[in-house]
C-alpha atoms as a PDB file:
ATOM      1  CA  MET A   1     109.451 125.478  98.697  1.00  0.00           C
ATOM      2  CA  LEU A   2     107.636 123.436 101.335  1.00  0.00           C
ATOM      3  CA  THR A   3     105.139 124.997 103.684  1.00  0.00           C
ATOM      4  CA  ASN A   4     103.518 123.499 106.767  1.00  0.00           C
ATOM      5  CA  ASP A   5     100.020 123.511 105.249  1.00  0.00           C
ATOM      6  CA  PHE A   6      98.256 120.785 103.269  1.00  0.00           C
ATOM      7  CA  ALA A   7      94.716 120.720 101.911  1.00  0.00           C
ATOM      8  CA  ALA A   8      92.940 118.360  99.534  1.00  0.00           C
ATOM      9  CA  THR A   9      89.435 118.564  98.104  1.00  0.00           C
ATOM     10  CA  LEU A  10      87.772 115.239  97.332  1.00  0.00           C
ATOM     11  CA  ALA A  11      85.173 114.381  94.673  1.00  0.00           C
ATOM     12  CA  ASP A  12      82.270 115.124  97.052  1.00  0.00           C
ATOM     13  CA  MET A  13      83.810 118.583  97.697  1.00  0.00           C
ATOM     14  CA  SER A  14      84.818 117.673 101.266  1.00  0.00           C
ATOM     15  CA  MET A  15      88.148 119.247 102.179  1.00  0.00           C
ATOM     16  CA  ILE A  16      90.731 117.748 104.523  1.00  0.00           C
ATOM     17  CA  THR A  17      93.391 119.970 106.084  1.00  0.00           C
ATOM     18  CA  ALA A  18      96.691 119.021 107.693  1.00  0.00           C
ATOM     19  CA  THR A  19     100.082 120.344 108.714  1.00  0.00           C
ATOM     20  CA  LEU A  20     103.450 118.924 107.728  1.00  0.00           C
ATOM     21  CA  ALA A  21     105.062 117.008 110.584  1.00  0.00           C
ATOM     22  CA  GLN A  22     108.153 115.981 108.614  1.00  0.00           C
ATOM     23  CA  GLY A  23     109.164 115.126 105.079  1.00  0.00           C
ATOM     24  CA  TYR A  24     111.744 115.204 102.342  1.00  0.00           C
ATOM     25  CA  VAL A  25     112.100 115.466  98.561  1.00  0.00           C
ATOM     26  CA  CYS A  26     114.883 113.803  96.554  1.00  0.00           C
ATOM     27  CA  LEU A  27     115.690 114.938  92.987  1.00  0.00           C
ATOM     28  CA  ASP A  28     117.767 112.901  90.547  1.00  0.00           C
ATOM     29  CA  LYS A  29     119.441 115.638  88.480  1.00  0.00           C
ATOM     30  CA  THR A  30     120.289 113.213  85.663  1.00  0.00           C
ATOM     31  CA  SER A  31     116.819 111.739  85.052  1.00  0.00           C
ATOM     32  CA  GLY A  32     114.693 114.516  86.545  1.00  0.00           C
ATOM     33  CA  ASN A  33     112.786 111.961  88.641  1.00  0.00           C
ATOM     34  CA  THR A  34     111.696 112.989  92.125  1.00  0.00           C
ATOM     35  CA  HIS A  35     110.672 111.013  95.196  1.00  0.00           C
ATOM     36  CA  ALA A  36     108.937 112.634  98.156  1.00  0.00           C
ATOM     37  CA  GLU A  37     107.695 111.338 101.505  1.00  0.00           C
ATOM     38  CA  PHE A  38     105.675 113.364 104.002  1.00  0.00           C
ATOM     39  CA  ASN A  39     104.048 112.732 107.372  1.00  0.00           C
ATOM     40  CA  LEU A  40     101.015 114.914 107.999  1.00  0.00           C
ATOM     41  CA  THR A  41      98.953 115.701 111.093  1.00  0.00           C
ATOM     42  CA  VAL A  42      95.251 116.065 110.198  1.00  0.00           C
ATOM     43  CA  THR A  43      93.806 119.304 111.605  1.00  0.00           C
ATOM     44  CA  GLY A  44      90.202 119.111 110.369  1.00  0.00           C
ATOM     45  CA  GLY A  45      88.372 120.097 107.240  1.00  0.00           C
ATOM     46  CA  THR A  46      84.886 120.608 105.871  1.00  0.00           C
ATOM     47  CA  ARG A  47      81.820 118.390 105.499  1.00  0.00           C
ATOM     48  CA  ARG A  48      82.753 114.793 106.379  1.00  0.00           C
ATOM     49  CA  PHE A  49      86.182 115.915 107.656  1.00  0.00           C
ATOM     50  CA  SER A  50      84.825 118.606 109.995  1.00  0.00           C
ATOM     51  CA  GLY A  51      86.432 117.982 113.392  1.00  0.00           C
ATOM     52  CA  ALA A  52      88.694 115.255 111.995  1.00  0.00           C
ATOM     53  CA  SER A  53      92.106 114.423 113.447  1.00  0.00           C
ATOM     54  CA  GLY A  54      94.763 111.823 112.756  1.00  0.00           C
ATOM     55  CA  LYS A  55      97.971 111.093 110.884  1.00  0.00           C
ATOM     56  CA  LEU A  56      98.647 110.548 107.173  1.00  0.00           C
ATOM     57  CA  SER A  57     101.698 109.283 105.321  1.00  0.00           C
ATOM     58  CA  VAL A  58     102.118 110.469 101.712  1.00  0.00           C
ATOM     59  CA  VAL A  59     104.565 109.030  99.152  1.00  0.00           C
ATOM     60  CA  VAL A  60     104.849 110.577  95.666  1.00  0.00           C
ATOM     61  CA  ASP A  61     107.095 109.771  92.698  1.00  0.00           C
ATOM     62  CA  THR A  62     107.299 112.094  89.688  1.00  0.00           C
ATOM     63  CA  PHE A  63     108.740 111.249  86.267  1.00  0.00           C
ATOM     64  CA  PRO A  64     109.338 113.759  83.445  1.00  0.00           C
ATOM     65  CA  ALA A  65     107.132 113.269  80.367  1.00  0.00           C
ATOM     66  CA  GLY A  66     108.510 116.056  78.129  1.00  0.00           C
ATOM     67  CA  ASP A  67     107.469 119.651  77.421  1.00  0.00           C
ATOM     68  CA  HIS A  68     107.121 120.626  81.096  1.00  0.00           C
ATOM     69  CA  MET A  69     104.775 117.694  81.750  1.00  0.00           C
ATOM     70  CA  SER A  70     105.188 114.949  84.319  1.00  0.00           C
ATOM     71  CA  VAL A  71     103.622 111.702  85.441  1.00  0.00           C
ATOM     72  CA  GLU A  72     102.946 111.349  89.157  1.00  0.00           C
ATOM     73  CA  THR A  73     102.170 108.252  91.161  1.00  0.00           C
ATOM     74  CA  GLY A  74     101.612 108.061  94.875  1.00  0.00           C
ATOM     75  CA  THR A  75      99.897 106.678  97.917  1.00  0.00           C
ATOM     76  CA  ILE A  76      98.229 108.152 100.967  1.00  0.00           C
ATOM     77  CA  LYS A  77      97.903 105.950 104.039  1.00  0.00           C
ATOM     78  CA  GLY A  78      96.787 106.659 107.559  1.00  0.00           C
ATOM     79  CA  LEU A  79      93.986 106.919 110.094  1.00  0.00           C
ATOM     80  CA  ILE A  80      91.485 109.745 110.270  1.00  0.00           C
ATOM     81  CA  GLU A  81      89.259 109.939 113.346  1.00  0.00           C
ATOM     82  CA  HIS A  82      86.145 111.962 114.023  1.00  0.00           C
END
């Protein structure tokens, strides 16, 4: 289930928060592979992201690796302003 909220904590413990503007997930029932694309609106965060705004584009691909495990690859692109 998708919600409108997104948060990520980085290595320096700064958190960035965003809301989902639009997105989709595609599942290949035969292979179990998934592909997802999301557009996010940055709403702020903590530390270096306090007061931040902007837009992010997220692309993620997931591939089954057996025993309820998966391999994920992805990119995050965008502009974050202070």
